[in-house]
Amino acid sequence: MEIESKFSLSQLQSINEQSMMYTCACPAQVSVQMINLRKLFKYQYACLDKPSDDDVQQVVHQRIAEASIKAHQTLEDCLNEILDLEGWDRSTLTMPTGLRQLIEKSLDEN
């Protein structure tokens, strides 16, 4: 089972690559955590799929899976807002040229 998401793994990786390329790591930090939460959820779901007589452990895995879904939704909303605030092209998930130039100028000045 997967976490429902507005962003595919390849879209998150694209955001990461562009963000790192232009030393604007904030969107990348959010998308990396979303990827990690997907892995956490998948791990917990795999544990839930295993037969177990231990009811407490089943509840533990269920609780962690639920928390990872909520955290993922919160970060996904955050990433959506960040991309809108920064003016990313939503159809290609490309960082806006103006932001790239601003970052490049800042790096040149340092």
N, C-alpha and C. Protein backbone atom coordinates (compact mmCIF):
# COMPACT_ATOMS: atom_id res chain seq x y z
N MET A 1 0.84 -1.18 0.00
CA MET A 1 0.00 0.00 0.00
C MET A 1 0.89 1.24 0.00
N GLU A 2 0.45 2.27 -0.68
CA GLU A 2 1.20 3.52 -0.78
C GLU A 2 0.41 4.65 -0.14
N ILE A 3 1.11 5.69 0.26
CA ILE A 3 0.45 6.90 0.74
C ILE A 3 -0.09 7.65 -0.47
N GLU A 4 -1.33 8.08 -0.40
CA GLU A 4 -1.88 8.89 -1.49
C GLU A 4 -1.14 10.23 -1.51
N SER A 5 -0.78 10.67 -2.71
CA SER A 5 0.01 11.88 -2.81
C SER A 5 -0.28 12.64 -4.10
N LYS A 6 -0.12 13.93 -4.02
CA LYS A 6 -0.26 14.78 -5.20
C LYS A 6 1.03 14.80 -6.02
N PHE A 7 2.14 14.36 -5.40
CA PHE A 7 3.44 14.38 -6.06
C PHE A 7 3.96 12.96 -6.21
N SER A 8 4.41 12.62 -7.42
CA SER A 8 5.02 11.31 -7.64
C SER A 8 6.46 11.35 -7.12
N LEU A 9 7.06 10.18 -6.99
CA LEU A 9 8.45 10.11 -6.56
C LEU A 9 9.34 10.86 -7.54
N SER A 10 9.11 10.71 -8.82
CA SER A 10 9.95 11.39 -9.82
C SER A 10 9.77 12.91 -9.73
N GLN A 11 8.58 13.38 -9.41
CA GLN A 11 8.39 14.83 -9.23
C GLN A 11 9.16 15.33 -8.01
N LEU A 12 9.10 14.59 -6.93
CA LEU A 12 9.84 14.99 -5.73
C LEU A 12 11.34 15.00 -6.00
N GLN A 13 11.81 14.00 -6.73
CA GLN A 13 13.24 13.95 -7.06
C GLN A 13 13.64 15.12 -7.96
N SER A 14 12.76 15.52 -8.87
CA SER A 14 13.03 16.67 -9.73
C SER A 14 13.14 17.96 -8.91
N ILE A 15 12.24 18.12 -7.94
CA ILE A 15 12.30 19.28 -7.05
C ILE A 15 13.62 19.26 -6.28
N ASN A 16 14.01 18.09 -5.78
CA ASN A 16 15.27 17.96 -5.05
C ASN A 16 16.45 18.37 -5.91
N GLU A 17 16.51 17.86 -7.13
CA GLU A 17 17.64 18.13 -8.01
C GLU A 17 17.75 19.62 -8.33
N GLN A 18 16.63 20.25 -8.68
CA GLN A 18 16.67 21.68 -9.00
C GLN A 18 17.02 22.51 -7.79
N SER A 19 16.46 22.15 -6.65
CA SER A 19 16.71 22.91 -5.43
C SER A 19 18.19 22.83 -5.06
N MET A 20 18.77 21.66 -5.16
CA MET A 20 20.17 21.49 -4.80
C MET A 20 21.09 22.17 -5.82
N MET A 21 20.69 22.11 -7.10
CA MET A 21 21.50 22.72 -8.15
C MET A 21 21.65 24.22 -7.92
N TYR A 22 20.61 24.86 -7.42
CA TYR A 22 20.63 26.30 -7.23
C TYR A 22 20.79 26.68 -5.77
N THR A 23 21.23 25.74 -4.96
CA THR A 23 21.47 25.97 -3.53
C THR A 23 20.27 26.61 -2.85
N CYS A 24 19.10 26.11 -3.20
CA CYS A 24 17.87 26.55 -2.55
C CYS A 24 17.24 25.30 -1.95
N ALA A 25 17.79 24.89 -0.84
CA ALA A 25 17.49 23.55 -0.32
C ALA A 25 16.16 23.43 0.41
N CYS A 26 15.47 24.52 0.64
CA CYS A 26 14.24 24.43 1.43
C CYS A 26 13.18 23.52 0.80
N PRO A 27 12.83 23.69 -0.48
CA PRO A 27 11.87 22.75 -1.07
C PRO A 27 12.40 21.32 -1.05
N ALA A 28 13.70 21.16 -1.24
CA ALA A 28 14.29 19.82 -1.23
C ALA A 28 14.18 19.18 0.14
N GLN A 29 14.36 19.96 1.20
CA GLN A 29 14.26 19.42 2.54
C GLN A 29 12.86 18.85 2.78
N VAL A 30 11.86 19.56 2.32
CA VAL A 30 10.48 19.09 2.50
C VAL A 30 10.23 17.84 1.68
N SER A 31 10.66 17.84 0.42
CA SER A 31 10.39 16.67 -0.43
C SER A 31 11.17 15.44 0.03
N VAL A 32 12.38 15.62 0.56
CA VAL A 32 13.14 14.49 1.08
C VAL A 32 12.40 13.86 2.27
N GLN A 33 11.86 14.69 3.13
CA GLN A 33 11.12 14.16 4.28
C GLN A 33 9.85 13.43 3.84
N MET A 34 9.23 13.92 2.77
CA MET A 34 8.05 13.23 2.24
C MET A 34 8.43 11.85 1.72
N ILE A 35 9.56 11.76 1.04
CA ILE A 35 10.04 10.46 0.54
C ILE A 35 10.32 9.53 1.72
N ASN A 36 10.95 10.06 2.77
CA ASN A 36 11.24 9.24 3.95
C ASN A 36 9.96 8.77 4.64
N LEU A 37 8.96 9.63 4.71
CA LEU A 37 7.69 9.23 5.31
C LEU A 37 7.01 8.13 4.50
N ARG A 38 7.14 8.18 3.19
CA ARG A 38 6.58 7.11 2.35
C ARG A 38 7.26 5.78 2.66
N LYS A 39 8.58 5.83 2.85
CA LYS A 39 9.33 4.61 3.20
C LYS A 39 8.90 4.10 4.57
N LEU A 40 8.75 4.99 5.53
CA LEU A 40 8.31 4.61 6.87
C LEU A 40 6.93 3.96 6.82
N PHE A 41 6.02 4.57 6.09
CA PHE A 41 4.67 4.03 5.95
C PHE A 41 4.71 2.63 5.32
N LYS A 42 5.47 2.49 4.25
CA LYS A 42 5.57 1.21 3.56
C LYS A 42 6.13 0.13 4.49
N TYR A 43 7.13 0.48 5.28
CA TYR A 43 7.71 -0.46 6.24
C TYR A 43 6.66 -0.89 7.27
N GLN A 44 5.92 0.08 7.82
CA GLN A 44 4.91 -0.24 8.83
C GLN A 44 3.80 -1.10 8.23
N TYR A 45 3.41 -0.78 7.00
CA TYR A 45 2.36 -1.55 6.35
C TYR A 45 2.82 -2.98 6.12
N ALA A 46 4.09 -3.17 5.77
CA ALA A 46 4.64 -4.52 5.59
C ALA A 46 4.59 -5.29 6.91
N CYS A 47 4.89 -4.60 8.02
CA CYS A 47 4.80 -5.23 9.33
C CYS A 47 3.36 -5.62 9.65
N LEU A 48 2.42 -4.78 9.28
CA LEU A 48 1.01 -5.08 9.53
C LEU A 48 0.54 -6.27 8.70
N ASP A 49 1.14 -6.48 7.55
CA ASP A 49 0.76 -7.58 6.67
C ASP A 49 1.22 -8.94 7.18
N LYS A 50 2.22 -8.93 8.07
CA LYS A 50 2.74 -10.19 8.60
C LYS A 50 1.78 -10.72 9.67
N PRO A 51 1.51 -12.02 9.62
CA PRO A 51 0.66 -12.59 10.67
C PRO A 51 1.31 -12.43 12.05
N SER A 52 0.52 -12.04 13.02
CA SER A 52 1.05 -11.83 14.36
C SER A 52 -0.02 -12.09 15.41
N ASP A 53 0.41 -12.69 16.49
CA ASP A 53 -0.49 -12.88 17.63
C ASP A 53 -0.33 -11.76 18.64
N ASP A 54 0.60 -10.89 18.39
CA ASP A 54 0.90 -9.81 19.33
C ASP A 54 0.06 -8.58 18.97
N ASP A 55 -1.06 -8.42 19.66
CA ASP A 55 -1.97 -7.31 19.38
C ASP A 55 -1.33 -5.95 19.62
N VAL A 56 -0.48 -5.87 20.62
CA VAL A 56 0.17 -4.59 20.93
C VAL A 56 1.04 -4.15 19.76
N GLN A 57 1.82 -5.07 19.20
CA GLN A 57 2.69 -4.71 18.08
C GLN A 57 1.87 -4.31 16.85
N GLN A 58 0.75 -4.94 16.64
CA GLN A 58 -0.12 -4.56 15.52
C GLN A 58 -0.62 -3.13 15.72
N VAL A 59 -0.99 -2.80 16.94
CA VAL A 59 -1.45 -1.44 17.24
C VAL A 59 -0.31 -0.44 17.06
N VAL A 60 0.88 -0.82 17.49
CA VAL A 60 2.06 0.05 17.33
C VAL A 60 2.30 0.35 15.86
N HIS A 61 2.31 -0.68 15.02
CA HIS A 61 2.55 -0.48 13.58
C HIS A 61 1.44 0.35 12.95
N GLN A 62 0.21 0.10 13.36
CA GLN A 62 -0.92 0.87 12.83
C GLN A 62 -0.80 2.33 13.20
N ARG A 63 -0.42 2.59 14.45
CA ARG A 63 -0.29 3.97 14.93
C ARG A 63 0.80 4.72 14.18
N ILE A 64 1.94 4.05 13.96
CA ILE A 64 3.03 4.68 13.22
C ILE A 64 2.62 4.94 11.77
N ALA A 65 1.92 4.00 11.16
CA ALA A 65 1.45 4.18 9.78
C ALA A 65 0.49 5.37 9.70
N GLU A 66 -0.42 5.48 10.65
CA GLU A 66 -1.36 6.61 10.65
C GLU A 66 -0.64 7.94 10.84
N ALA A 67 0.33 7.97 11.74
CA ALA A 67 1.08 9.20 11.98
C ALA A 67 1.89 9.60 10.75
N SER A 68 2.44 8.62 10.05
CA SER A 68 3.22 8.94 8.86
C SER A 68 2.33 9.50 7.76
N ILE A 69 1.09 9.02 7.66
CA ILE A 69 0.15 9.57 6.68
C ILE A 69 -0.16 11.03 7.01
N LYS A 70 -0.43 11.31 8.27
CA LYS A 70 -0.76 12.69 8.68
C LYS A 70 0.43 13.62 8.45
N ALA A 71 1.61 13.17 8.83
CA ALA A 71 2.80 14.01 8.64
C ALA A 71 3.05 14.25 7.15
N HIS A 72 2.86 13.22 6.34
CA HIS A 72 3.04 13.36 4.90
C HIS A 72 2.06 14.38 4.32
N GLN A 73 0.81 14.31 4.75
CA GLN A 73 -0.21 15.26 4.26
C GLN A 73 0.16 16.69 4.65
N THR A 74 0.65 16.87 5.87
CA THR A 74 1.06 18.21 6.33
C THR A 74 2.20 18.74 5.48
N LEU A 75 3.22 17.90 5.24
CA LEU A 75 4.36 18.34 4.44
C LEU A 75 3.97 18.54 2.98
N GLU A 76 3.05 17.73 2.48
CA GLU A 76 2.59 17.90 1.11
C GLU A 76 1.88 19.25 0.95
N ASP A 77 1.03 19.60 1.90
CA ASP A 77 0.38 20.91 1.87
C ASP A 77 1.43 22.03 1.92
N CYS A 78 2.44 21.84 2.75
CA CYS A 78 3.51 22.81 2.87
C CYS A 78 4.26 22.96 1.55
N LEU A 79 4.61 21.84 0.92
CA LEU A 79 5.33 21.89 -0.36
C LEU A 79 4.48 22.57 -1.42
N ASN A 80 3.20 22.27 -1.46
CA ASN A 80 2.31 22.94 -2.41
C ASN A 80 2.37 24.45 -2.23
N GLU A 81 2.31 24.89 -0.99
CA GLU A 81 2.34 26.32 -0.70
C GLU A 81 3.69 26.94 -1.07
N ILE A 82 4.78 26.24 -0.75
CA ILE A 82 6.12 26.73 -1.09
C ILE A 82 6.25 26.91 -2.60
N LEU A 83 5.82 25.92 -3.36
CA LEU A 83 5.94 26.00 -4.82
C LEU A 83 5.12 27.16 -5.37
N ASP A 84 3.94 27.38 -4.80
CA ASP A 84 3.13 28.52 -5.23
C ASP A 84 3.79 29.85 -4.84
N LEU A 85 4.28 29.94 -3.60
CA LEU A 85 4.91 31.17 -3.14
C LEU A 85 6.13 31.53 -3.98
N GLU A 86 6.93 30.52 -4.33
CA GLU A 86 8.14 30.78 -5.10
C GLU A 86 7.87 30.89 -6.60
N GLY A 87 6.68 30.50 -7.04
CA GLY A 87 6.31 30.63 -8.44
C GLY A 87 6.83 29.53 -9.35
N TRP A 88 6.95 28.32 -8.82
CA TRP A 88 7.39 27.20 -9.65
C TRP A 88 6.34 26.92 -10.73
N ASP A 89 6.79 26.47 -11.90
CA ASP A 89 5.89 26.05 -12.97
C ASP A 89 5.27 24.73 -12.52
N ARG A 90 3.97 24.73 -12.28
CA ARG A 90 3.31 23.54 -11.72
C ARG A 90 3.17 22.41 -12.73
N SER A 91 3.17 22.71 -14.02
CA SER A 91 3.03 21.63 -15.00
C SER A 91 4.34 20.87 -15.21
N THR A 92 5.48 21.55 -15.04
CA THR A 92 6.78 20.90 -15.23
C THR A 92 7.57 20.79 -13.94
N LEU A 93 7.07 21.42 -12.87
CA LEU A 93 7.77 21.51 -11.59
C LEU A 93 9.19 22.05 -11.78
N THR A 94 9.26 23.15 -12.54
CA THR A 94 10.52 23.83 -12.80
C THR A 94 10.61 25.07 -11.93
N MET A 95 11.78 25.25 -11.32
CA MET A 95 12.02 26.44 -10.51
C MET A 95 11.94 27.67 -11.41
N PRO A 96 11.32 28.74 -10.93
CA PRO A 96 11.21 29.94 -11.77
C PRO A 96 12.58 30.55 -12.07
N THR A 97 12.72 31.06 -13.29
CA THR A 97 13.98 31.65 -13.73
C THR A 97 14.41 32.77 -12.80
N GLY A 98 13.47 33.61 -12.39
CA GLY A 98 13.82 34.73 -11.51
C GLY A 98 14.44 34.27 -10.21
N LEU A 99 13.95 33.19 -9.65
CA LEU A 99 14.50 32.66 -8.41
C LEU A 99 15.89 32.08 -8.65
N ARG A 100 16.06 31.39 -9.77
CA ARG A 100 17.39 30.84 -10.11
C ARG A 100 18.39 31.97 -10.25
N GLN A 101 17.99 33.05 -10.95
CA GLN A 101 18.90 34.18 -11.15
C GLN A 101 19.23 34.85 -9.83
N LEU A 102 18.24 35.00 -8.95
CA LEU A 102 18.47 35.62 -7.65
C LEU A 102 19.46 34.79 -6.83
N ILE A 103 19.31 33.49 -6.87
CA ILE A 103 20.21 32.60 -6.13
C ILE A 103 21.61 32.67 -6.73
N GLU A 104 21.70 32.61 -8.08
CA GLU A 104 23.00 32.68 -8.74
C GLU A 104 23.70 34.00 -8.43
N LYS A 105 22.96 35.10 -8.43
CA LYS A 105 23.54 36.41 -8.13
C LYS A 105 24.07 36.44 -6.69
N SER A 106 23.29 35.88 -5.79
CA SER A 106 23.70 35.82 -4.39
C SER A 106 25.00 35.02 -4.23
N LEU A 107 25.10 33.92 -4.97
CA LEU A 107 26.31 33.10 -4.89
C LEU A 107 27.51 33.84 -5.47
N ASP A 108 27.30 34.58 -6.58
CA ASP A 108 28.38 35.34 -7.20
C ASP A 108 28.90 36.43 -6.27
N GLU A 109 28.01 37.03 -5.49
CA GLU A 109 28.41 38.10 -4.59
C GLU A 109 29.21 37.59 -3.40
N ASN A 110 29.03 36.34 -3.07
CA ASN A 110 29.76 35.75 -1.94
C ASN A 110 31.05 35.23 -2.44
